[in-house]
Amino acid sequence: MHRHRLDDLSHGAHFDGPRLDIFDAEHGTLPPPVLAGRINVDPYSEDPRRNVPHIHLEPFQDEVMECLDPQEFAAVIAQVRAHCERLDEVHTSW
C-alpha cells in the first residue's frame, strides 16, 4: 500500500498545445503536441518555488521546462513569438 505524504499533494490545470505533424521514418506521420503544459502549485513541497503557482512547460514531447515563474514563462513566450515572426519572414520571402 502506497502512503501519500503531504509533499505529494499538488493542484493544477493542464493546458493543451497544438499538434505539429512530423514525419518519422519508422512510424510515419505522428502528431505530437508542442508547447503543452500545466499550471501547478505544490503547497507542501520543500522547494519554495513550487509553493506558488508555476508552469511546467513541455516545448516538445518528453522535454520539460520545470517550475517557470511568471517572468520566465513570459520570456519563453517572447522567444516563441519572435521565432514565429522569423518564420513568417522566411515564408513571405520564399
PDB file of N, CA and C in Angstrom:
ATOM      1  N   MET A   1       0.830  -1.175   0.000  1.00  0.00           N
ATOM      2  CA  MET A   1       0.000   0.000   0.000  1.00  0.00           C
ATOM      3  C   MET A   1       0.878   1.243   0.000  1.00  0.00           C
ATOM      4  N   HIS A   2       0.636   2.122  -0.951  1.00  0.00           N
ATOM      5  CA  HIS A   2       1.410   3.357  -1.053  1.00  0.00           C
ATOM      6  C   HIS A   2       0.796   4.413  -0.145  1.00  0.00           C
ATOM      7  N   ARG A   3       1.601   4.970   0.703  1.00  0.00           N
ATOM      8  CA  ARG A   3       1.119   6.043   1.576  1.00  0.00           C
ATOM      9  C   ARG A   3       1.552   7.377   0.977  1.00  0.00           C
ATOM     10  N   HIS A   4       0.602   8.282   0.873  1.00  0.00           N
ATOM     11  CA  HIS A   4       0.902   9.613   0.354  1.00  0.00           C
ATOM     12  C   HIS A   4       1.392  10.505   1.490  1.00  0.00           C
ATOM     13  N   ARG A   5       2.335  11.325   1.183  1.00  0.00           N
ATOM     14  CA  ARG A   5       2.821  12.323   2.113  1.00  0.00           C
ATOM     15  C   ARG A   5       2.293  13.675   1.662  1.00  0.00           C
ATOM     16  N   LEU A   6       2.286  14.645   2.547  1.00  0.00           N
ATOM     17  CA  LEU A   6       1.777  15.968   2.184  1.00  0.00           C
ATOM     18  C   LEU A   6       2.527  16.564   1.002  1.00  0.00           C
ATOM     19  N   ASP A   7       3.842  16.315   0.911  1.00  0.00           N
ATOM     20  CA  ASP A   7       4.587  16.906  -0.203  1.00  0.00           C
ATOM     21  C   ASP A   7       4.274  16.236  -1.533  1.00  0.00           C
ATOM     22  N   ASP A   8       3.453  15.173  -1.526  1.00  0.00           N
ATOM     23  CA  ASP A   8       2.989  14.552  -2.769  1.00  0.00           C
ATOM     24  C   ASP A   8       1.777  15.287  -3.340  1.00  0.00           C
ATOM     25  N   LEU A   9       1.134  16.133  -2.531  1.00  0.00           N
ATOM     26  CA  LEU A   9      -0.076  16.824  -2.981  1.00  0.00           C
ATOM     27  C   LEU A   9       0.273  17.981  -3.905  1.00  0.00           C
ATOM     28  N   SER A  10      -0.482  18.095  -4.981  1.00  0.00           N
ATOM     29  CA  SER A  10      -0.316  19.234  -5.883  1.00  0.00           C
ATOM     30  C   SER A  10      -1.671  19.571  -6.477  1.00  0.00           C
ATOM     31  N   HIS A  11      -1.810  20.787  -6.910  1.00  0.00           N
ATOM     32  CA  HIS A  11      -3.024  21.265  -7.555  1.00  0.00           C
ATOM     33  C   HIS A  11      -2.600  21.873  -8.878  1.00  0.00           C
ATOM     34  N   GLY A  12      -3.411  21.691  -9.899  1.00  0.00           N
ATOM     35  CA  GLY A  12      -3.030  22.278 -11.165  1.00  0.00           C
ATOM     36  C   GLY A  12      -4.063  22.079 -12.233  1.00  0.00           C
ATOM     37  N   ALA A  13      -3.759  22.648 -13.367  1.00  0.00           N
ATOM     38  CA  ALA A  13      -4.624  22.537 -14.532  1.00  0.00           C
ATOM     39  C   ALA A  13      -3.757  22.385 -15.768  1.00  0.00           C
ATOM     40  N   HIS A  14      -4.046  21.367 -16.545  1.00  0.00           N
ATOM     41  CA  HIS A  14      -3.307  21.090 -17.778  1.00  0.00           C
ATOM     42  C   HIS A  14      -3.799  22.023 -18.883  1.00  0.00           C
ATOM     43  N   PHE A  15      -2.877  22.454 -19.751  1.00  0.00           N
ATOM     44  CA  PHE A  15      -3.299  23.159 -20.961  1.00  0.00           C
ATOM     45  C   PHE A  15      -2.669  22.463 -22.156  1.00  0.00           C
ATOM     46  N   ASP A  16      -3.489  22.271 -23.183  1.00  0.00           N
ATOM     47  CA  ASP A  16      -3.043  21.583 -24.388  1.00  0.00           C
ATOM     48  C   ASP A  16      -2.215  22.512 -25.260  1.00  0.00           C
ATOM     49  N   GLY A  17      -1.371  21.910 -26.047  1.00  0.00           N
ATOM     50  CA  GLY A  17      -0.653  22.643 -27.070  1.00  0.00           C
ATOM     51  C   GLY A  17      -1.119  22.148 -28.426  1.00  0.00           C
ATOM     52  N   PRO A  18      -0.781  22.875 -29.475  1.00  0.00           N
ATOM     53  CA  PRO A  18      -1.162  22.410 -30.808  1.00  0.00           C
ATOM     54  C   PRO A  18      -0.403  21.135 -31.159  1.00  0.00           C
ATOM     55  N   ARG A  19      -0.973  20.363 -32.028  1.00  0.00           N
ATOM     56  CA  ARG A  19      -0.293  19.165 -32.510  1.00  0.00           C
ATOM     57  C   ARG A  19       0.431  19.546 -33.798  1.00  0.00           C
ATOM     58  N   LEU A  20       1.684  19.185 -33.854  1.00  0.00           N
ATOM     59  CA  LEU A  20       2.521  19.516 -35.002  1.00  0.00           C
ATOM     60  C   LEU A  20       2.891  18.221 -35.695  1.00  0.00           C
ATOM     61  N   ASP A  21       2.298  17.989 -36.868  1.00  0.00           N
ATOM     62  CA  ASP A  21       2.581  16.751 -37.591  1.00  0.00           C
ATOM     63  C   ASP A  21       4.045  16.699 -38.009  1.00  0.00           C
ATOM     64  N   ILE A  22       4.701  15.611 -37.647  1.00  0.00           N
ATOM     65  CA  ILE A  22       6.088  15.377 -38.059  1.00  0.00           C
ATOM     66  C   ILE A  22       6.159  14.014 -38.724  1.00  0.00           C
ATOM     67  N   PHE A  23       7.144  13.850 -39.565  1.00  0.00           N
ATOM     68  CA  PHE A  23       7.314  12.560 -40.217  1.00  0.00           C
ATOM     69  C   PHE A  23       8.404  11.789 -39.502  1.00  0.00           C
ATOM     70  N   ASP A  24       8.084  10.561 -39.143  1.00  0.00           N
ATOM     71  CA  ASP A  24       9.022   9.659 -38.503  1.00  0.00           C
ATOM     72  C   ASP A  24       9.232   8.493 -39.457  1.00  0.00           C
ATOM     73  N   ALA A  25      10.488   8.222 -39.830  1.00  0.00           N
ATOM     74  CA  ALA A  25      10.779   7.186 -40.823  1.00  0.00           C
ATOM     75  C   ALA A  25      10.253   5.820 -40.406  1.00  0.00           C
ATOM     76  N   GLU A  26      10.245   5.539 -39.118  1.00  0.00           N
ATOM     77  CA  GLU A  26       9.807   4.236 -38.642  1.00  0.00           C
ATOM     78  C   GLU A  26       8.291   4.137 -38.469  1.00  0.00           C
ATOM     79  N   HIS A  27       7.653   5.234 -38.034  1.00  0.00           N
ATOM     80  CA  HIS A  27       6.237   5.183 -37.689  1.00  0.00           C
ATOM     81  C   HIS A  27       5.333   6.002 -38.615  1.00  0.00           C
ATOM     82  N   GLY A  28       5.887   6.676 -39.587  1.00  0.00           N
ATOM     83  CA  GLY A  28       5.073   7.527 -40.457  1.00  0.00           C
ATOM     84  C   GLY A  28       4.812   8.869 -39.791  1.00  0.00           C
ATOM     85  N   THR A  29       3.695   9.479 -40.129  1.00  0.00           N
ATOM     86  CA  THR A  29       3.376  10.794 -39.592  1.00  0.00           C
ATOM     87  C   THR A  29       2.826  10.672 -38.172  1.00  0.00           C
ATOM     88  N   LEU A  30       3.403  11.456 -37.274  1.00  0.00           N
ATOM     89  CA  LEU A  30       2.983  11.476 -35.880  1.00  0.00           C
ATOM     90  C   LEU A  30       2.574  12.900 -35.516  1.00  0.00           C
ATOM     91  N   PRO A  31       1.538  13.055 -34.697  1.00  0.00           N
ATOM     92  CA  PRO A  31       1.116  14.402 -34.303  1.00  0.00           C
ATOM     93  C   PRO A  31       1.410  14.722 -32.832  1.00  0.00           C
ATOM     94  N   PRO A  32       2.669  14.823 -32.432  1.00  0.00           N
ATOM     95  CA  PRO A  32       2.923  15.102 -31.020  1.00  0.00           C
ATOM     96  C   PRO A  32       2.532  16.539 -30.670  1.00  0.00           C
ATOM     97  N   PRO A  33       2.059  16.746 -29.451  1.00  0.00           N
ATOM     98  CA  PRO A  33       1.746  18.115 -29.035  1.00  0.00           C
ATOM     99  C   PRO A  33       3.031  18.900 -28.787  1.00  0.00           C
ATOM    100  N   VAL A  34       2.974  20.178 -29.024  1.00  0.00           N
ATOM    101  CA  VAL A  34       4.077  21.080 -28.694  1.00  0.00           C
ATOM    102  C   VAL A  34       3.530  22.183 -27.796  1.00  0.00           C
ATOM    103  N   LEU A  35       4.374  22.689 -26.946  1.00  0.00           N
ATOM    104  CA  LEU A  35       4.034  23.802 -26.069  1.00  0.00           C
ATOM    105  C   LEU A  35       2.820  23.521 -25.175  1.00  0.00           C
ATOM    106  N   ALA A  36       2.701  22.288 -24.729  1.00  0.00           N
ATOM    107  CA  ALA A  36       1.655  21.933 -23.769  1.00  0.00           C
ATOM    108  C   ALA A  36       2.243  22.059 -22.371  1.00  0.00           C
ATOM    109  N   GLY A  37       1.396  22.045 -21.380  1.00  0.00           N
ATOM    110  CA  GLY A  37       1.944  22.127 -20.039  1.00  0.00           C
ATOM    111  C   GLY A  37       0.905  22.085 -18.959  1.00  0.00           C
ATOM    112  N   ARG A  38       1.315  22.584 -17.807  1.00  0.00           N
ATOM    113  CA  ARG A  38       0.464  22.528 -16.633  1.00  0.00           C
ATOM    114  C   ARG A  38       0.799  23.702 -15.733  1.00  0.00           C
ATOM    115  N   ILE A  39      -0.240  24.384 -15.264  1.00  0.00           N
ATOM    116  CA  ILE A  39      -0.078  25.374 -14.204  1.00  0.00           C
ATOM    117  C   ILE A  39      -0.208  24.585 -12.910  1.00  0.00           C
ATOM    118  N   ASN A  40       0.747  24.715 -12.030  1.00  0.00           N
ATOM    119  CA  ASN A  40       0.803  23.830 -10.872  1.00  0.00           C
ATOM    120  C   ASN A  40       1.115  24.600  -9.594  1.00  0.00           C
ATOM    121  N   VAL A  41       0.657  24.066  -8.482  1.00  0.00           N
ATOM    122  CA  VAL A  41       1.037  24.531  -7.141  1.00  0.00           C
ATOM    123  C   VAL A  41       1.261  23.286  -6.302  1.00  0.00           C
ATOM    124  N   ASP A  42       2.398  23.224  -5.660  1.00  0.00           N
ATOM    125  CA  ASP A  42       2.731  22.120  -4.764  1.00  0.00           C
ATOM    126  C   ASP A  42       2.885  22.721  -3.367  1.00  0.00           C
ATOM    127  N   PRO A  43       1.771  22.892  -2.641  1.00  0.00           N
ATOM    128  CA  PRO A  43       1.802  23.683  -1.405  1.00  0.00           C
ATOM    129  C   PRO A  43       2.690  23.130  -0.298  1.00  0.00           C
ATOM    130  N   TYR A  44       2.976  21.851  -0.310  1.00  0.00           N
ATOM    131  CA  TYR A  44       3.764  21.266   0.770  1.00  0.00           C
ATOM    132  C   TYR A  44       5.177  20.871   0.335  1.00  0.00           C
ATOM    133  N   SER A  45       5.567  21.288  -0.858  1.00  0.00           N
ATOM    134  CA  SER A  45       6.909  20.972  -1.334  1.00  0.00           C
ATOM    135  C   SER A  45       7.959  21.687  -0.491  1.00  0.00           C
ATOM    136  N   GLU A  46       9.105  21.056  -0.356  1.00  0.00           N
ATOM    137  CA  GLU A  46      10.218  21.699   0.346  1.00  0.00           C
ATOM    138  C   GLU A  46      10.869  22.780  -0.511  1.00  0.00           C
ATOM    139  N   ASP A  47      10.617  22.763  -1.815  1.00  0.00           N
ATOM    140  CA  ASP A  47      11.151  23.767  -2.729  1.00  0.00           C
ATOM    141  C   ASP A  47      10.189  24.954  -2.754  1.00  0.00           C
ATOM    142  N   PRO A  48      10.583  26.109  -2.237  1.00  0.00           N
ATOM    143  CA  PRO A  48       9.673  27.250  -2.156  1.00  0.00           C
ATOM    144  C   PRO A  48       9.166  27.731  -3.519  1.00  0.00           C
ATOM    145  N   ARG A  49       9.904  27.468  -4.597  1.00  0.00           N
ATOM    146  CA  ARG A  49       9.440  27.857  -5.935  1.00  0.00           C
ATOM    147  C   ARG A  49       8.190  27.080  -6.323  1.00  0.00           C
ATOM    148  N   ARG A  50       8.024  25.898  -5.760  1.00  0.00           N
ATOM    149  CA  ARG A  50       6.864  25.065  -6.084  1.00  0.00           C
ATOM    150  C   ARG A  50       5.643  25.391  -5.215  1.00  0.00           C
ATOM    151  N   ASN A  51       5.840  26.180  -4.153  1.00  0.00           N
ATOM    152  CA  ASN A  51       4.736  26.525  -3.259  1.00  0.00           C
ATOM    153  C   ASN A  51       3.807  27.570  -3.855  1.00  0.00           C
ATOM    154  N   VAL A  52       4.234  28.244  -4.876  1.00  0.00           N
ATOM    155  CA  VAL A  52       3.431  29.271  -5.550  1.00  0.00           C
ATOM    156  C   VAL A  52       3.101  28.766  -6.954  1.00  0.00           C
ATOM    157  N   PRO A  53       2.078  29.328  -7.601  1.00  0.00           N
ATOM    158  CA  PRO A  53       1.764  28.873  -8.964  1.00  0.00           C
ATOM    159  C   PRO A  53       2.984  28.985  -9.881  1.00  0.00           C
ATOM    160  N   HIS A  54       3.197  27.950 -10.662  1.00  0.00           N
ATOM    161  CA  HIS A  54       4.317  27.897 -11.592  1.00  0.00           C
ATOM    162  C   HIS A  54       3.900  27.056 -12.797  1.00  0.00           C
ATOM    163  N   ILE A  55       4.689  27.131 -13.836  1.00  0.00           N
ATOM    164  CA  ILE A  55       4.398  26.432 -15.086  1.00  0.00           C
ATOM    165  C   ILE A  55       5.392  25.302 -15.294  1.00  0.00           C
ATOM    166  N   HIS A  56       4.870  24.151 -15.674  1.00  0.00           N
ATOM    167  CA  HIS A  56       5.678  23.062 -16.213  1.00  0.00           C
ATOM    168  C   HIS A  56       5.338  23.053 -17.695  1.00  0.00           C
ATOM    169  N   LEU A  57       6.270  23.444 -18.539  1.00  0.00           N
ATOM    170  CA  LEU A  57       6.034  23.556 -19.969  1.00  0.00           C
ATOM    171  C   LEU A  57       6.748  22.432 -20.694  1.00  0.00           C
ATOM    172  N   GLU A  58       6.036  21.788 -21.613  1.00  0.00           N
ATOM    173  CA  GLU A  58       6.629  20.764 -22.462  1.00  0.00           C
ATOM    174  C   GLU A  58       6.751  21.346 -23.866  1.00  0.00           C
ATOM    175  N   PRO A  59       7.918  21.936 -24.181  1.00  0.00           N
ATOM    176  CA  PRO A  59       8.068  22.512 -25.515  1.00  0.00           C
ATOM    177  C   PRO A  59       7.852  21.465 -26.606  1.00  0.00           C
ATOM    178  N   PHE A  60       8.293  20.261 -26.333  1.00  0.00           N
ATOM    179  CA  PHE A  60       8.136  19.141 -27.255  1.00  0.00           C
ATOM    180  C   PHE A  60       7.992  17.890 -26.413  1.00  0.00           C
ATOM    181  N   GLN A  61       7.449  16.863 -26.989  1.00  0.00           N
ATOM    182  CA  GLN A  61       7.180  15.623 -26.279  1.00  0.00           C
ATOM    183  C   GLN A  61       8.393  15.135 -25.488  1.00  0.00           C
ATOM    184  N   ASP A  62       8.184  14.859 -24.213  1.00  0.00           N
ATOM    185  CA  ASP A  62       9.203  14.334 -23.293  1.00  0.00           C
ATOM    186  C   ASP A  62      10.303  15.330 -22.946  1.00  0.00           C
ATOM    187  N   GLU A  63      10.126  16.590 -23.309  1.00  0.00           N
ATOM    188  CA  GLU A  63      11.065  17.645 -22.922  1.00  0.00           C
ATOM    189  C   GLU A  63      10.314  18.593 -21.995  1.00  0.00           C
ATOM    190  N   VAL A  64      10.872  18.884 -20.822  1.00  0.00           N
ATOM    191  CA  VAL A  64      10.140  19.674 -19.835  1.00  0.00           C
ATOM    192  C   VAL A  64      10.985  20.840 -19.336  1.00  0.00           C
ATOM    193  N   MET A  65      10.346  21.982 -19.244  1.00  0.00           N
ATOM    194  CA  MET A  65      10.922  23.147 -18.568  1.00  0.00           C
ATOM    195  C   MET A  65      10.123  23.262 -17.269  1.00  0.00           C
ATOM    196  N   GLU A  66      10.762  22.964 -16.150  1.00  0.00           N
ATOM    197  CA  GLU A  66      10.031  22.877 -14.885  1.00  0.00           C
ATOM    198  C   GLU A  66      10.074  24.180 -14.099  1.00  0.00           C
ATOM    199  N   CYS A  67       8.992  24.394 -13.391  1.00  0.00           N
ATOM    200  CA  CYS A  67       8.922  25.403 -12.342  1.00  0.00           C
ATOM    201  C   CYS A  67       9.206  26.821 -12.845  1.00  0.00           C
ATOM    202  N   LEU A  68       8.625  27.176 -13.990  1.00  0.00           N
ATOM    203  CA  LEU A  68       8.816  28.525 -14.513  1.00  0.00           C
ATOM    204  C   LEU A  68       7.962  29.514 -13.727  1.00  0.00           C
ATOM    205  N   ASP A  69       8.568  30.618 -13.313  1.00  0.00           N
ATOM    206  CA  ASP A  69       7.785  31.671 -12.670  1.00  0.00           C
ATOM    207  C   ASP A  69       7.196  32.566 -13.777  1.00  0.00           C
ATOM    208  N   PRO A  70       6.353  33.542 -13.429  1.00  0.00           N
ATOM    209  CA  PRO A  70       5.711  34.350 -14.472  1.00  0.00           C
ATOM    210  C   PRO A  70       6.697  35.054 -15.415  1.00  0.00           C
ATOM    211  N   GLN A  71       7.805  35.573 -14.895  1.00  0.00           N
ATOM    212  CA  GLN A  71       8.778  36.248 -15.752  1.00  0.00           C
ATOM    213  C   GLN A  71       9.477  35.266 -16.686  1.00  0.00           C
ATOM    214  N   GLU A  72       9.822  34.107 -16.178  1.00  0.00           N
ATOM    215  CA  GLU A  72      10.466  33.094 -17.019  1.00  0.00           C
ATOM    216  C   GLU A  72       9.511  32.599 -18.102  1.00  0.00           C
ATOM    217  N   PHE A  73       8.239  32.414 -17.732  1.00  0.00           N
ATOM    218  CA  PHE A  73       7.241  31.978 -18.711  1.00  0.00           C
ATOM    219  C   PHE A  73       7.053  33.054 -19.776  1.00  0.00           C
ATOM    220  N   ALA A  74       7.021  34.328 -19.369  1.00  0.00           N
ATOM    221  CA  ALA A  74       6.907  35.429 -20.325  1.00  0.00           C
ATOM    222  C   ALA A  74       8.098  35.456 -21.282  1.00  0.00           C
ATOM    223  N   ALA A  75       9.292  35.159 -20.778  1.00  0.00           N
ATOM    224  CA  ALA A  75      10.479  35.130 -21.633  1.00  0.00           C
ATOM    225  C   ALA A  75      10.383  34.010 -22.666  1.00  0.00           C
ATOM    226  N   VAL A  76       9.874  32.849 -22.268  1.00  0.00           N
ATOM    227  CA  VAL A  76       9.684  31.741 -23.215  1.00  0.00           C
ATOM    228  C   VAL A  76       8.673  32.147 -24.286  1.00  0.00           C
ATOM    229  N   ILE A  77       7.563  32.755 -23.863  1.00  0.00           N
ATOM    230  CA  ILE A  77       6.542  33.204 -24.815  1.00  0.00           C
ATOM    231  C   ILE A  77       7.136  34.194 -25.808  1.00  0.00           C
ATOM    232  N   ALA A  78       7.937  35.132 -25.320  1.00  0.00           N
ATOM    233  CA  ALA A  78       8.572  36.119 -26.201  1.00  0.00           C
ATOM    234  C   ALA A  78       9.506  35.446 -27.198  1.00  0.00           C
ATOM    235  N   GLN A  79      10.241  34.434 -26.765  1.00  0.00           N
ATOM    236  CA  GLN A  79      11.136  33.717 -27.673  1.00  0.00           C
ATOM    237  C   GLN A  79      10.351  32.984 -28.749  1.00  0.00           C
ATOM    238  N   VAL A  80       9.268  32.331 -28.357  1.00  0.00           N
ATOM    239  CA  VAL A  80       8.439  31.610 -29.328  1.00  0.00           C
ATOM    240  C   VAL A  80       7.811  32.598 -30.306  1.00  0.00           C
ATOM    241  N   ARG A  81       7.294  33.721 -29.793  1.00  0.00           N
ATOM    242  CA  ARG A  81       6.690  34.743 -30.653  1.00  0.00           C
ATOM    243  C   ARG A  81       7.717  35.285 -31.654  1.00  0.00           C
ATOM    244  N   ALA A  82       8.915  35.584 -31.198  1.00  0.00           N
ATOM    245  CA  ALA A  82       9.962  36.096 -32.084  1.00  0.00           C
ATOM    246  C   ALA A  82      10.312  35.067 -33.151  1.00  0.00           C
ATOM    247  N   HIS A  83      10.349  33.813 -32.772  1.00  0.00           N
ATOM    248  CA  HIS A  83      10.666  32.777 -33.760  1.00  0.00           C
ATOM    249  C   HIS A  83       9.537  32.647 -34.780  1.00  0.00           C
ATOM    250  N   CYS A  84       8.291  32.739 -34.334  1.00  0.00           N
ATOM    251  CA  CYS A  84       7.164  32.676 -35.277  1.00  0.00           C
ATOM    252  C   CYS A  84       7.208  33.856 -36.242  1.00  0.00           C
ATOM    253  N   GLU A  85       7.590  35.028 -35.754  1.00  0.00           N
ATOM    254  CA  GLU A  85       7.737  36.190 -36.642  1.00  0.00           C
ATOM    255  C   GLU A  85       8.840  35.927 -37.663  1.00  0.00           C
ATOM    256  N   ARG A  86       9.918  35.311 -37.232  1.00  0.00           N
ATOM    257  CA  ARG A  86      11.003  34.955 -38.162  1.00  0.00           C
ATOM    258  C   ARG A  86      10.511  33.947 -39.188  1.00  0.00           C
ATOM    259  N   LEU A  87       9.721  32.968 -38.764  1.00  0.00           N
ATOM    260  CA  LEU A  87       9.153  32.001 -39.712  1.00  0.00           C
ATOM    261  C   LEU A  87       8.250  32.708 -40.725  1.00  0.00           C
ATOM    262  N   ASP A  88       7.473  33.699 -40.271  1.00  0.00           N
ATOM    263  CA  ASP A  88       6.654  34.489 -41.197  1.00  0.00           C
ATOM    264  C   ASP A  88       7.525  35.194 -42.225  1.00  0.00           C
ATOM    265  N   GLU A  89       8.657  35.760 -41.791  1.00  0.00           N
ATOM    266  CA  GLU A  89       9.577  36.427 -42.724  1.00  0.00           C
ATOM    267  C   GLU A  89      10.114  35.452 -43.758  1.00  0.00           C
ATOM    268  N   VAL A  90      10.511  34.279 -43.310  1.00  0.00           N
ATOM    269  CA  VAL A  90      11.006  33.261 -44.243  1.00  0.00           C
ATOM    270  C   VAL A  90       9.913  32.873 -45.221  1.00  0.00           C
ATOM    271  N   HIS A  91       8.714  32.699 -44.719  1.00  0.00           N
ATOM    272  CA  HIS A  91       7.590  32.291 -45.573  1.00  0.00           C
ATOM    273  C   HIS A  91       7.281  33.356 -46.633  1.00  0.00           C
ATOM    274  N   THR A  92       7.245  34.608 -46.246  1.00  0.00           N
ATOM    275  CA  THR A  92       6.907  35.670 -47.207  1.00  0.00           C
ATOM    276  C   THR A  92       8.031  35.927 -48.199  1.00  0.00           C
ATOM    277  N   SER A  93       9.270  35.597 -47.855  1.00  0.00           N
ATOM    278  CA  SER A  93      10.387  35.838 -48.785  1.00  0.00           C
ATOM    279  C   SER A  93      10.609  34.659 -49.717  1.00  0.00           C
ATOM    280  N   TRP A  94       9.905  33.615 -49.517  1.00  0.00           N
ATOM    281  CA  TRP A  94      10.089  32.389 -50.279  1.00  0.00           C
ATOM    282  C   TRP A  94       9.631  32.548 -51.671  1.00  0.00           C
TER     283      TRP A  94
END
